[in-house]
Amino acid sequence: MHKPAVAGCLIVGLAVIGFLTAADVMNTVSAIAVGVALFIAAGVELKRKKPNE
């Protein structure tokens, strides 16, 4: 994926997690765990080498 797309997905994901936590659908520990997983996934995607075409 392109870097802006990865950043956009990360921002949207964090916004959804924040909303679910504020609405008491998700507890704080789960929200932190999912947030960390999102950051790791975004970092892996950004560091991934593009295949040669």
PDB file of N, CA and C in Angstrom:
ATOM      1  N   MET A   1       0.845  -1.188   0.000  1.00  0.00           N
ATOM      2  CA  MET A   1       0.000   0.000   0.000  1.00  0.00           C
ATOM      3  C   MET A   1       0.882   1.239   0.000  1.00  0.00           C
ATOM      4  N   HIS A   2       0.301   2.332  -0.375  1.00  0.00           N
ATOM      5  CA  HIS A   2       1.018   3.593  -0.365  1.00  0.00           C
ATOM      6  C   HIS A   2       1.022   4.154   1.046  1.00  0.00           C
ATOM      7  N   LYS A   3       2.050   4.928   1.365  1.00  0.00           N
ATOM      8  CA  LYS A   3       2.175   5.463   2.721  1.00  0.00           C
ATOM      9  C   LYS A   3       0.964   6.286   3.160  1.00  0.00           C
ATOM     10  N   PRO A   4       0.401   7.161   2.316  1.00  0.00           N
ATOM     11  CA  PRO A   4      -0.789   7.906   2.771  1.00  0.00           C
ATOM     12  C   PRO A   4      -1.968   6.991   3.081  1.00  0.00           C
ATOM     13  N   ALA A   5      -2.114   5.907   2.326  1.00  0.00           N
ATOM     14  CA  ALA A   5      -3.215   4.975   2.580  1.00  0.00           C
ATOM     15  C   ALA A   5      -3.017   4.275   3.918  1.00  0.00           C
ATOM     16  N   VAL A   6      -1.786   3.871   4.212  1.00  0.00           N
ATOM     17  CA  VAL A   6      -1.496   3.215   5.494  1.00  0.00           C
ATOM     18  C   VAL A   6      -1.751   4.185   6.639  1.00  0.00           C
ATOM     19  N   ALA A   7      -1.304   5.420   6.491  1.00  0.00           N
ATOM     20  CA  ALA A   7      -1.515   6.419   7.541  1.00  0.00           C
ATOM     21  C   ALA A   7      -3.007   6.695   7.732  1.00  0.00           C
ATOM     22  N   GLY A   8      -3.746   6.774   6.636  1.00  0.00           N
ATOM     23  CA  GLY A   8      -5.187   7.006   6.733  1.00  0.00           C
ATOM     24  C   GLY A   8      -5.899   5.877   7.449  1.00  0.00           C
ATOM     25  N   CYS A   9      -5.543   4.646   7.098  1.00  0.00           N
ATOM     26  CA  CYS A   9      -6.150   3.487   7.766  1.00  0.00           C
ATOM     27  C   CYS A   9      -5.817   3.474   9.250  1.00  0.00           C
ATOM     28  N   LEU A  10      -4.590   3.828   9.589  1.00  0.00           N
ATOM     29  CA  LEU A  10      -4.183   3.868  10.993  1.00  0.00           C
ATOM     30  C   LEU A  10      -4.984   4.917  11.754  1.00  0.00           C
ATOM     31  N   ILE A  11      -5.162   6.096  11.174  1.00  0.00           N
ATOM     32  CA  ILE A  11      -5.908   7.166  11.840  1.00  0.00           C
ATOM     33  C   ILE A  11      -7.371   6.774  12.026  1.00  0.00           C
ATOM     34  N   VAL A  12      -7.969   6.203  10.981  1.00  0.00           N
ATOM     35  CA  VAL A  12      -9.366   5.776  11.076  1.00  0.00           C
ATOM     36  C   VAL A  12      -9.519   4.675  12.123  1.00  0.00           C
ATOM     37  N   GLY A  13      -8.590   3.723  12.130  1.00  0.00           N
ATOM     38  CA  GLY A  13      -8.641   2.639  13.109  1.00  0.00           C
ATOM     39  C   GLY A  13      -8.538   3.160  14.536  1.00  0.00           C
ATOM     40  N   LEU A  14      -7.634   4.102  14.758  1.00  0.00           N
ATOM     41  CA  LEU A  14      -7.497   4.668  16.098  1.00  0.00           C
ATOM     42  C   LEU A  14      -8.733   5.470  16.488  1.00  0.00           C
ATOM     43  N   ALA A  15      -9.346   6.152  15.526  1.00  0.00           N
ATOM     44  CA  ALA A  15     -10.568   6.904  15.817  1.00  0.00           C
ATOM     45  C   ALA A  15     -11.702   5.959  16.211  1.00  0.00           C
ATOM     46  N   VAL A  16     -11.827   4.844  15.515  1.00  0.00           N
ATOM     47  CA  VAL A  16     -12.870   3.861  15.842  1.00  0.00           C
ATOM     48  C   VAL A  16     -12.629   3.271  17.227  1.00  0.00           C
ATOM     49  N   ILE A  17     -11.373   2.947  17.532  1.00  0.00           N
ATOM     50  CA  ILE A  17     -11.044   2.405  18.852  1.00  0.00           C
ATOM     51  C   ILE A  17     -11.376   3.435  19.935  1.00  0.00           C
ATOM     52  N   GLY A  18     -11.030   4.703  19.684  1.00  0.00           N
ATOM     53  CA  GLY A  18     -11.339   5.765  20.649  1.00  0.00           C
ATOM     54  C   GLY A  18     -12.833   5.906  20.869  1.00  0.00           C
ATOM     55  N   PHE A  19     -13.608   5.839  19.785  1.00  0.00           N
ATOM     56  CA  PHE A  19     -15.060   5.953  19.904  1.00  0.00           C
ATOM     57  C   PHE A  19     -15.629   4.781  20.690  1.00  0.00           C
ATOM     58  N   LEU A  20     -15.188   3.563  20.377  1.00  0.00           N
ATOM     59  CA  LEU A  20     -15.702   2.388  21.091  1.00  0.00           C
ATOM     60  C   LEU A  20     -15.332   2.418  22.567  1.00  0.00           C
ATOM     61  N   THR A  21     -14.151   2.928  22.874  1.00  0.00           N
ATOM     62  CA  THR A  21     -13.744   3.033  24.276  1.00  0.00           C
ATOM     63  C   THR A  21     -14.577   4.092  24.994  1.00  0.00           C
ATOM     64  N   ALA A  22     -14.815   5.225  24.338  1.00  0.00           N
ATOM     65  CA  ALA A  22     -15.609   6.295  24.959  1.00  0.00           C
ATOM     66  C   ALA A  22     -17.054   5.859  25.160  1.00  0.00           C
ATOM     67  N   ALA A  23     -17.554   4.996  24.281  1.00  0.00           N
ATOM     68  CA  ALA A  23     -18.941   4.532  24.384  1.00  0.00           C
ATOM     69  C   ALA A  23     -19.069   3.318  25.301  1.00  0.00           C
ATOM     70  N   ASP A  24     -18.006   2.946  25.983  1.00  0.00           N
ATOM     71  CA  ASP A  24     -17.966   1.798  26.903  1.00  0.00           C
ATOM     72  C   ASP A  24     -18.305   0.477  26.218  1.00  0.00           C
ATOM     73  N   VAL A  25     -18.012   0.375  24.929  1.00  0.00           N
ATOM     74  CA  VAL A  25     -18.181  -0.899  24.229  1.00  0.00           C
ATOM     75  C   VAL A  25     -16.930  -1.739  24.438  1.00  0.00           C
ATOM     76  N   MET A  26     -15.793  -1.064  24.550  1.00  0.00           N
ATOM     77  CA  MET A  26     -14.498  -1.722  24.694  1.00  0.00           C
ATOM     78  C   MET A  26     -13.853  -1.231  25.983  1.00  0.00           C
ATOM     79  N   ASN A  27     -13.162  -2.122  26.689  1.00  0.00           N
ATOM     80  CA  ASN A  27     -12.459  -1.629  27.872  1.00  0.00           C
ATOM     81  C   ASN A  27     -11.096  -1.060  27.469  1.00  0.00           C
ATOM     82  N   THR A  28     -10.476  -0.327  28.355  1.00  0.00           N
ATOM     83  CA  THR A  28      -9.249   0.402  28.041  1.00  0.00           C
ATOM     84  C   THR A  28      -8.092  -0.523  27.703  1.00  0.00           C
ATOM     85  N   VAL A  29      -7.967  -1.640  28.406  1.00  0.00           N
ATOM     86  CA  VAL A  29      -6.859  -2.566  28.164  1.00  0.00           C
ATOM     87  C   VAL A  29      -6.954  -3.146  26.746  1.00  0.00           C
ATOM     88  N   SER A  30      -8.161  -3.529  26.337  1.00  0.00           N
ATOM     89  CA  SER A  30      -8.343  -4.049  24.985  1.00  0.00           C
ATOM     90  C   SER A  30      -8.054  -2.975  23.953  1.00  0.00           C
ATOM     91  N   ALA A  31      -8.466  -1.752  24.212  1.00  0.00           N
ATOM     92  CA  ALA A  31      -8.222  -0.658  23.284  1.00  0.00           C
ATOM     93  C   ALA A  31      -6.729  -0.408  23.107  1.00  0.00           C
ATOM     94  N   ILE A  32      -5.985  -0.450  24.195  1.00  0.00           N
ATOM     95  CA  ILE A  32      -4.533  -0.261  24.114  1.00  0.00           C
ATOM     96  C   ILE A  32      -3.898  -1.397  23.328  1.00  0.00           C
ATOM     97  N   ALA A  33      -4.334  -2.626  23.580  1.00  0.00           N
ATOM     98  CA  ALA A  33      -3.772  -3.775  22.869  1.00  0.00           C
ATOM     99  C   ALA A  33      -4.043  -3.694  21.369  1.00  0.00           C
ATOM    100  N   VAL A  34      -5.256  -3.340  21.000  1.00  0.00           N
ATOM    101  CA  VAL A  34      -5.594  -3.228  19.581  1.00  0.00           C
ATOM    102  C   VAL A  34      -4.851  -2.055  18.947  1.00  0.00           C
ATOM    103  N   GLY A  35      -4.703  -0.959  19.674  1.00  0.00           N
ATOM    104  CA  GLY A  35      -3.948   0.189  19.166  1.00  0.00           C
ATOM    105  C   GLY A  35      -2.499  -0.147  18.897  1.00  0.00           C
ATOM    106  N   VAL A  36      -1.877  -0.881  19.815  1.00  0.00           N
ATOM    107  CA  VAL A  36      -0.494  -1.308  19.621  1.00  0.00           C
ATOM    108  C   VAL A  36      -0.388  -2.238  18.412  1.00  0.00           C
ATOM    109  N   ALA A  37      -1.353  -3.144  18.269  1.00  0.00           N
ATOM    110  CA  ALA A  37      -1.348  -4.045  17.116  1.00  0.00           C
ATOM    111  C   ALA A  37      -1.480  -3.263  15.807  1.00  0.00           C
ATOM    112  N   LEU A  38      -2.305  -2.214  15.797  1.00  0.00           N
ATOM    113  CA  LEU A  38      -2.441  -1.373  14.605  1.00  0.00           C
ATOM    114  C   LEU A  38      -1.127  -0.677  14.264  1.00  0.00           C
ATOM    115  N   PHE A  39      -0.441  -0.137  15.271  1.00  0.00           N
ATOM    116  CA  PHE A  39       0.836   0.525  15.022  1.00  0.00           C
ATOM    117  C   PHE A  39       1.867  -0.467  14.486  1.00  0.00           C
ATOM    118  N   ILE A  40       1.899  -1.672  15.036  1.00  0.00           N
ATOM    119  CA  ILE A  40       2.850  -2.681  14.566  1.00  0.00           C
ATOM    120  C   ILE A  40       2.547  -3.061  13.124  1.00  0.00           C
ATOM    121  N   ALA A  41       1.269  -3.289  12.819  1.00  0.00           N
ATOM    122  CA  ALA A  41       0.890  -3.654  11.450  1.00  0.00           C
ATOM    123  C   ALA A  41       1.226  -2.545  10.470  1.00  0.00           C
ATOM    124  N   ALA A  42       0.973  -1.296  10.860  1.00  0.00           N
ATOM    125  CA  ALA A  42       1.297  -0.172   9.973  1.00  0.00           C
ATOM    126  C   ALA A  42       2.806  -0.064   9.774  1.00  0.00           C
ATOM    127  N   GLY A  43       3.568  -0.262  10.828  1.00  0.00           N
ATOM    128  CA  GLY A  43       5.029  -0.218  10.715  1.00  0.00           C
ATOM    129  C   GLY A  43       5.567  -1.309   9.813  1.00  0.00           C
ATOM    130  N   VAL A  44       5.024  -2.512   9.943  1.00  0.00           N
ATOM    131  CA  VAL A  44       5.450  -3.622   9.085  1.00  0.00           C
ATOM    132  C   VAL A  44       5.108  -3.322   7.635  1.00  0.00           C
ATOM    133  N   GLU A  45       3.927  -2.779   7.396  1.00  0.00           N
ATOM    134  CA  GLU A  45       3.508  -2.463   6.028  1.00  0.00           C
ATOM    135  C   GLU A  45       4.395  -1.376   5.423  1.00  0.00           C
ATOM    136  N   LEU A  46       4.762  -0.381   6.207  1.00  0.00           N
ATOM    137  CA  LEU A  46       5.603   0.694   5.689  1.00  0.00           C
ATOM    138  C   LEU A  46       7.034   0.234   5.442  1.00  0.00           C
ATOM    139  N   LYS A  47       7.525  -0.722   6.223  1.00  0.00           N
ATOM    140  CA  LYS A  47       8.900  -1.209   6.075  1.00  0.00           C
ATOM    141  C   LYS A  47       9.028  -2.296   5.004  1.00  0.00           C
ATOM    142  N   ARG A  48       7.890  -2.836   4.562  1.00  0.00           N
ATOM    143  CA  ARG A  48       7.909  -3.942   3.606  1.00  0.00           C
ATOM    144  C   ARG A  48       8.516  -3.479   2.283  1.00  0.00           C
ATOM    145  N   LYS A  49       9.374  -4.311   1.731  1.00  0.00           N
ATOM    146  CA  LYS A  49       9.990  -3.977   0.446  1.00  0.00           C
ATOM    147  C   LYS A  49       8.993  -4.248  -0.671  1.00  0.00           C
ATOM    148  N   LYS A  50       8.990  -3.359  -1.636  1.00  0.00           N
ATOM    149  CA  LYS A  50       8.101  -3.522  -2.766  1.00  0.00           C
ATOM    150  C   LYS A  50       8.686  -4.564  -3.726  1.00  0.00           C
ATOM    151  N   PRO A  51       7.862  -5.433  -4.278  1.00  0.00           N
ATOM    152  CA  PRO A  51       8.396  -6.426  -5.215  1.00  0.00           C
ATOM    153  C   PRO A  51       8.854  -5.766  -6.514  1.00  0.00           C
ATOM    154  N   ASN A  52       9.894  -6.334  -7.086  1.00  0.00           N
ATOM    155  CA  ASN A  52      10.389  -5.808  -8.365  1.00  0.00           C
ATOM    156  C   ASN A  52       9.454  -6.217  -9.481  1.00  0.00           C
ATOM    157  N   GLU A  53       9.160  -5.284 -10.334  1.00  0.00           N
ATOM    158  CA  GLU A  53       8.240  -5.586 -11.429  1.00  0.00           C
ATOM    159  C   GLU A  53       8.990  -5.763 -12.728  1.00  0.00           C
TER     160      GLU A  53
END
